[in-house]
């Protein structure tokens, strides 16, 4: 009778420990990055997984997710005064997202933010770079080429610094007015 008395608590303890360990295994779902932070092996401050899973040690580590879901943004600029005394107006539609290639940057700058906050950061970066075009002297018939270069090179590099990357861009409306200012 005494053996059965001790067998029940030991079995219950083993069962609870097993459930606890299963709860500490975190899987990375499709379309997300699993970010484990806290005490990590080696010198890295975080561990980033884009598939599979890992054990998260309680108290010492915690985890969260970064969505790889694409975000959309439409930017409309009106009446940008250019150096050659012309005005430029354009509408650009962007699709961008967190990049696996720049995941460390994304974790440092975007981890814990909602999609709307990330879109706001991207919008500020894009507007800052697009307004830079005011200070350039551009030859006639090269406005659309320069805007595409600015987006593909300069803007994407700045977005990469925050962990974002342009997936696609579409310049809907590019209008040059010769105002003779």
C-alpha atoms as a PDB file:
ATOM      1  CA  UNK A   1       0.000   0.000   0.000  1.00  0.00           C
ATOM      2  CA  UNK A   2       2.875   2.351   0.740  1.00  0.00           C
ATOM      3  CA  UNK A   3       4.376   1.766  -2.742  1.00  0.00           C
ATOM      4  CA  UNK A   4       1.165   2.903  -4.426  1.00  0.00           C
ATOM      5  CA  UNK A   5       1.064   5.972  -2.199  1.00  0.00           C
ATOM      6  CA  UNK A   6       4.470   7.156  -3.466  1.00  0.00           C
ATOM      7  CA  UNK A   7       3.885   6.048  -7.062  1.00  0.00           C
ATOM      8  CA  UNK A   8       0.977   8.460  -7.643  1.00  0.00           C
ATOM      9  CA  UNK A   9       2.905  11.673  -6.694  1.00  0.00           C
ATOM     10  CA  UNK A  10       5.979  10.582  -8.661  1.00  0.00           C
ATOM     11  CA  UNK A  11       3.879   9.822 -11.739  1.00  0.00           C
ATOM     12  CA  UNK A  12       2.045  13.135 -11.352  1.00  0.00           C
ATOM     13  CA  UNK A  13       5.385  14.975 -10.987  1.00  0.00           C
ATOM     14  CA  UNK A  14       6.809  13.326 -14.135  1.00  0.00           C
ATOM     15  CA  UNK A  15       3.601  14.137 -16.015  1.00  0.00           C
ATOM     16  CA  UNK A  16       3.711  17.823 -14.958  1.00  0.00           C
ATOM     17  CA  UNK A  17       7.414  18.159 -15.852  1.00  0.00           C
ATOM     18  CA  UNK A  18       6.699  16.655 -19.290  1.00  0.00           C
ATOM     19  CA  UNK A  19       3.840  19.100 -19.898  1.00  0.00           C
ATOM     20  CA  UNK A  20       6.048  21.978 -18.726  1.00  0.00           C
ATOM     21  CA  UNK A  21       8.829  20.974 -21.153  1.00  0.00           C
ATOM     22  CA  UNK A  22       6.382  20.665 -24.061  1.00  0.00           C
ATOM     23  CA  UNK A  23       5.122  24.169 -23.307  1.00  0.00           C
ATOM     24  CA  UNK A  24       8.659  25.538 -23.467  1.00  0.00           C
ATOM     25  CA  UNK A  25       9.205  24.326 -27.027  1.00  0.00           C
ATOM     26  CA  UNK A  26       8.307  27.222 -29.338  1.00  0.00           C
ATOM     27  CA  UNK A  27       7.692  26.667 -33.026  1.00  0.00           C
ATOM     28  CA  UNK A  28       8.069  29.218 -35.774  1.00  0.00           C
ATOM     29  CA  UNK A  29       4.892  29.464 -37.843  1.00  0.00           C
ATOM     30  CA  UNK A  30       4.922  30.243 -41.559  1.00  0.00           C
ATOM     31  CA  UNK A  31       5.210  33.934 -42.375  1.00  0.00           C
ATOM     32  CA  UNK A  32       6.919  34.858 -39.108  1.00  0.00           C
ATOM     33  CA  UNK A  33      10.333  35.046 -37.524  1.00  0.00           C
ATOM     34  CA  UNK A  34      10.741  33.573 -34.045  1.00  0.00           C
ATOM     35  CA  UNK A  35      12.924  35.830 -31.903  1.00  0.00           C
ATOM     36  CA  UNK A  36      14.377  34.334 -28.720  1.00  0.00           C
ATOM     37  CA  UNK A  37      16.049  36.826 -26.408  1.00  0.00           C
ATOM     38  CA  UNK A  38      17.671  36.797 -23.005  1.00  0.00           C
ATOM     39  CA  UNK A  39      20.618  34.550 -22.196  1.00  0.00           C
ATOM     40  CA  UNK A  40      21.564  33.091 -25.582  1.00  0.00           C
ATOM     41  CA  UNK A  41      24.457  30.785 -26.462  1.00  0.00           C
ATOM     42  CA  UNK A  42      27.514  32.649 -27.730  1.00  0.00           C
ATOM     43  CA  UNK A  43      27.810  36.406 -28.113  1.00  0.00           C
ATOM     44  CA  UNK A  44      24.539  36.992 -29.979  1.00  0.00           C
ATOM     45  CA  UNK A  45      21.914  39.049 -28.124  1.00  0.00           C
ATOM     46  CA  UNK A  46      19.059  37.225 -29.886  1.00  0.00           C
ATOM     47  CA  UNK A  47      18.384  34.006 -31.732  1.00  0.00           C
ATOM     48  CA  UNK A  48      16.293  34.373 -34.897  1.00  0.00           C
ATOM     49  CA  UNK A  49      14.550  31.413 -36.537  1.00  0.00           C
ATOM     50  CA  UNK A  50      12.528  31.452 -39.737  1.00  0.00           C
ATOM     51  CA  UNK A  51      11.457  27.802 -39.507  1.00  0.00           C
ATOM     52  CA  UNK A  52      11.575  24.942 -37.045  1.00  0.00           C
ATOM     53  CA  UNK A  53      11.553  25.514 -33.335  1.00  0.00           C
ATOM     54  CA  UNK A  54      13.607  25.777 -30.184  1.00  0.00           C
ATOM     55  CA  UNK A  55      13.358  25.337 -26.445  1.00  0.00           C
ATOM     56  CA  UNK A  56      12.952  28.564 -24.506  1.00  0.00           C
ATOM     57  CA  UNK A  57      14.419  28.334 -21.033  1.00  0.00           C
ATOM     58  CA  UNK A  58      11.983  29.847 -18.517  1.00  0.00           C
ATOM     59  CA  UNK A  59      13.075  32.920 -16.533  1.00  0.00           C
ATOM     60  CA  UNK A  60      16.347  33.153 -18.494  1.00  0.00           C
ATOM     61  CA  UNK A  61      14.827  33.522 -21.991  1.00  0.00           C
ATOM     62  CA  UNK A  62      11.667  34.785 -23.629  1.00  0.00           C
ATOM     63  CA  UNK A  63      10.445  34.912 -27.197  1.00  0.00           C
ATOM     64  CA  UNK A  64       8.272  36.819 -29.599  1.00  0.00           C
ATOM     65  CA  UNK A  65       7.439  36.964 -33.290  1.00  0.00           C
ATOM     66  CA  UNK A  66       8.071  39.331 -36.187  1.00  0.00           C
ATOM     67  CA  UNK A  67       5.603  39.099 -39.041  1.00  0.00           C
ATOM     68  CA  UNK A  68       6.961  38.673 -42.562  1.00  0.00           C
ATOM     69  CA  UNK A  69       3.600  39.750 -43.950  1.00  0.00           C
ATOM     70  CA  UNK A  70       3.778  42.340 -46.729  1.00  0.00           C
ATOM     71  CA  UNK A  71       2.644  45.875 -45.906  1.00  0.00           C
ATOM     72  CA  UNK A  72       1.302  48.458 -48.328  1.00  0.00           C
ATOM     73  CA  UNK A  73       1.825  52.181 -48.513  1.00  0.00           C
ATOM     74  CA  UNK A  74       0.777  54.834 -50.994  1.00  0.00           C
ATOM     75  CA  UNK A  75       2.703  58.097 -51.024  1.00  0.00           C
ATOM     76  CA  UNK A  76       1.505  61.163 -52.866  1.00  0.00           C
ATOM     77  CA  UNK A  77       3.782  64.138 -53.325  1.00  0.00           C
ATOM     78  CA  UNK A  78       2.463  67.302 -54.882  1.00  0.00           C
ATOM     79  CA  UNK A  79       4.251  70.318 -56.263  1.00  0.00           C
ATOM     80  CA  UNK A  80       7.838  69.510 -55.366  1.00  0.00           C
ATOM     81  CA  UNK A  81       9.861  72.496 -56.551  1.00  0.00           C
ATOM     82  CA  UNK A  82      12.895  71.329 -58.481  1.00  0.00           C
ATOM     83  CA  UNK A  83      16.145  73.220 -59.053  1.00  0.00           C
ATOM     84  CA  UNK A  84      15.389  73.623 -62.748  1.00  0.00           C
ATOM     85  CA  UNK A  85      12.267  75.655 -61.882  1.00  0.00           C
ATOM     86  CA  UNK A  86       9.814  72.865 -62.560  1.00  0.00           C
ATOM     87  CA  UNK A  87       7.296  71.168 -60.315  1.00  0.00           C
ATOM     88  CA  UNK A  88       7.075  67.450 -59.820  1.00  0.00           C
ATOM     89  CA  UNK A  89       4.024  65.568 -58.570  1.00  0.00           C
ATOM     90  CA  UNK A  90       3.884  61.833 -58.160  1.00  0.00           C
ATOM     91  CA  UNK A  91       2.014  58.970 -56.575  1.00  0.00           C
ATOM     92  CA  UNK A  92       4.013  55.878 -55.642  1.00  0.00           C
ATOM     93  CA  UNK A  93       2.533  52.643 -54.337  1.00  0.00           C
ATOM     94  CA  UNK A  94       4.917  50.519 -52.227  1.00  0.00           C
ATOM     95  CA  UNK A  95       4.706  46.946 -51.048  1.00  0.00           C
ATOM     96  CA  UNK A  96       7.389  46.163 -48.474  1.00  0.00           C
ATOM     97  CA  UNK A  97       8.041  43.870 -45.571  1.00  0.00           C
ATOM     98  CA  UNK A  98      10.497  42.691 -42.984  1.00  0.00           C
ATOM     99  CA  UNK A  99      13.424  41.041 -44.723  1.00  0.00           C
ATOM    100  CA  UNK A 100      14.986  37.761 -43.578  1.00  0.00           C
ATOM    101  CA  UNK A 101      18.266  39.080 -44.983  1.00  0.00           C
ATOM    102  CA  UNK A 102      18.166  42.053 -42.583  1.00  0.00           C
ATOM    103  CA  UNK A 103      16.483  40.231 -39.682  1.00  0.00           C
ATOM    104  CA  UNK A 104      18.993  41.489 -37.083  1.00  0.00           C
ATOM    105  CA  UNK A 105      18.209  45.092 -38.029  1.00  0.00           C
ATOM    106  CA  UNK A 106      14.490  44.346 -37.864  1.00  0.00           C
ATOM    107  CA  UNK A 107      14.804  42.849 -34.391  1.00  0.00           C
ATOM    108  CA  UNK A 108      16.777  45.848 -33.124  1.00  0.00           C
ATOM    109  CA  UNK A 109      14.447  48.477 -34.580  1.00  0.00           C
ATOM    110  CA  UNK A 110      11.025  46.909 -35.167  1.00  0.00           C
ATOM    111  CA  UNK A 111      10.570  44.116 -32.612  1.00  0.00           C
ATOM    112  CA  UNK A 112       7.466  44.686 -30.548  1.00  0.00           C
ATOM    113  CA  UNK A 113       5.945  47.267 -32.913  1.00  0.00           C
ATOM    114  CA  UNK A 114       2.555  46.910 -34.555  1.00  0.00           C
ATOM    115  CA  UNK A 115       2.250  46.940 -38.369  1.00  0.00           C
ATOM    116  CA  UNK A 116       0.870  50.504 -38.343  1.00  0.00           C
ATOM    117  CA  UNK A 117       3.932  51.723 -36.453  1.00  0.00           C
ATOM    118  CA  UNK A 118       6.218  49.947 -38.922  1.00  0.00           C
ATOM    119  CA  UNK A 119       4.326  51.499 -41.844  1.00  0.00           C
ATOM    120  CA  UNK A 120       4.736  54.927 -40.216  1.00  0.00           C
ATOM    121  CA  UNK A 121       8.507  54.421 -39.890  1.00  0.00           C
ATOM    122  CA  UNK A 122       8.743  53.329 -43.534  1.00  0.00           C
ATOM    123  CA  UNK A 123       6.646  56.300 -44.635  1.00  0.00           C
ATOM    124  CA  UNK A 124       8.956  58.748 -42.852  1.00  0.00           C
ATOM    125  CA  UNK A 125      12.025  57.177 -44.449  1.00  0.00           C
ATOM    126  CA  UNK A 126      10.473  57.184 -47.925  1.00  0.00           C
ATOM    127  CA  UNK A 127       9.204  60.765 -47.670  1.00  0.00           C
ATOM    128  CA  UNK A 128      12.579  61.976 -46.444  1.00  0.00           C
ATOM    129  CA  UNK A 129      14.361  60.412 -49.399  1.00  0.00           C
ATOM    130  CA  UNK A 130      11.752  61.449 -51.983  1.00  0.00           C
ATOM    131  CA  UNK A 131      11.941  65.050 -50.813  1.00  0.00           C
ATOM    132  CA  UNK A 132      15.686  64.879 -51.464  1.00  0.00           C
ATOM    133  CA  UNK A 133      14.864  65.072 -55.171  1.00  0.00           C
ATOM    134  CA  UNK A 134      14.130  68.799 -54.715  1.00  0.00           C
ATOM    135  CA  UNK A 135      17.831  69.509 -54.425  1.00  0.00           C
ATOM    136  CA  UNK A 136      18.779  67.750 -57.639  1.00  0.00           C
ATOM    137  CA  UNK A 137      19.159  69.114 -61.137  1.00  0.00           C
ATOM    138  CA  UNK A 138      17.640  66.535 -63.469  1.00  0.00           C
ATOM    139  CA  UNK A 139      17.733  66.621 -67.236  1.00  0.00           C
ATOM    140  CA  UNK A 140      14.434  66.601 -69.108  1.00  0.00           C
ATOM    141  CA  UNK A 141      13.061  63.134 -69.888  1.00  0.00           C
ATOM    142  CA  UNK A 142      15.033  61.581 -67.010  1.00  0.00           C
ATOM    143  CA  UNK A 143      12.652  62.370 -64.140  1.00  0.00           C
ATOM    144  CA  UNK A 144      11.007  58.950 -64.122  1.00  0.00           C
ATOM    145  CA  UNK A 145      14.386  57.217 -64.366  1.00  0.00           C
ATOM    146  CA  UNK A 146      15.782  59.272 -61.465  1.00  0.00           C
ATOM    147  CA  UNK A 147      12.732  58.593 -59.276  1.00  0.00           C
ATOM    148  CA  UNK A 148      13.052  54.851 -59.979  1.00  0.00           C
ATOM    149  CA  UNK A 149      16.781  54.960 -59.150  1.00  0.00           C
ATOM    150  CA  UNK A 150      16.064  56.870 -55.953  1.00  0.00           C
ATOM    151  CA  UNK A 151      13.507  54.277 -54.869  1.00  0.00           C
ATOM    152  CA  UNK A 152      15.460  51.201 -55.939  1.00  0.00           C
ATOM    153  CA  UNK A 153      18.795  52.320 -54.524  1.00  0.00           C
ATOM    154  CA  UNK A 154      18.628  55.063 -51.903  1.00  0.00           C
ATOM    155  CA  UNK A 155      15.236  54.361 -50.338  1.00  0.00           C
ATOM    156  CA  UNK A 156      15.717  50.597 -50.262  1.00  0.00           C
ATOM    157  CA  UNK A 157      19.144  51.013 -48.591  1.00  0.00           C
ATOM    158  CA  UNK A 158      17.599  53.188 -45.868  1.00  0.00           C
ATOM    159  CA  UNK A 159      14.753  50.716 -45.363  1.00  0.00           C
ATOM    160  CA  UNK A 160      17.308  47.874 -45.135  1.00  0.00           C
ATOM    161  CA  UNK A 161      18.906  49.645 -42.175  1.00  0.00           C
ATOM    162  CA  UNK A 162      15.654  49.178 -40.282  1.00  0.00           C
ATOM    163  CA  UNK A 163      15.166  45.588 -41.455  1.00  0.00           C
ATOM    164  CA  UNK A 164      12.650  46.381 -44.190  1.00  0.00           C
ATOM    165  CA  UNK A 165      12.881  45.735 -47.909  1.00  0.00           C
ATOM    166  CA  UNK A 166      10.832  46.912 -50.872  1.00  0.00           C
ATOM    167  CA  UNK A 167       9.046  43.993 -52.518  1.00  0.00           C
ATOM    168  CA  UNK A 168       7.564  46.079 -55.309  1.00  0.00           C
ATOM    169  CA  UNK A 169       6.885  49.674 -56.217  1.00  0.00           C
ATOM    170  CA  UNK A 170       4.614  51.219 -58.761  1.00  0.00           C
ATOM    171  CA  UNK A 171       4.861  54.831 -59.853  1.00  0.00           C
ATOM    172  CA  UNK A 172       1.241  55.582 -60.691  1.00  0.00           C
ATOM    173  CA  UNK A 173       1.445  59.189 -61.699  1.00  0.00           C
ATOM    174  CA  UNK A 174       4.525  61.266 -62.439  1.00  0.00           C
ATOM    175  CA  UNK A 175       3.724  64.772 -63.669  1.00  0.00           C
ATOM    176  CA  UNK A 176       6.245  67.485 -64.500  1.00  0.00           C
ATOM    177  CA  UNK A 177       4.938  71.037 -64.779  1.00  0.00           C
ATOM    178  CA  UNK A 178       7.113  73.736 -66.272  1.00  0.00           C
ATOM    179  CA  UNK A 179       6.081  76.617 -63.995  1.00  0.00           C
ATOM    180  CA  UNK A 180       9.009  78.883 -64.732  1.00  0.00           C
ATOM    181  CA  UNK A 181       9.273  79.800 -61.069  1.00  0.00           C
END
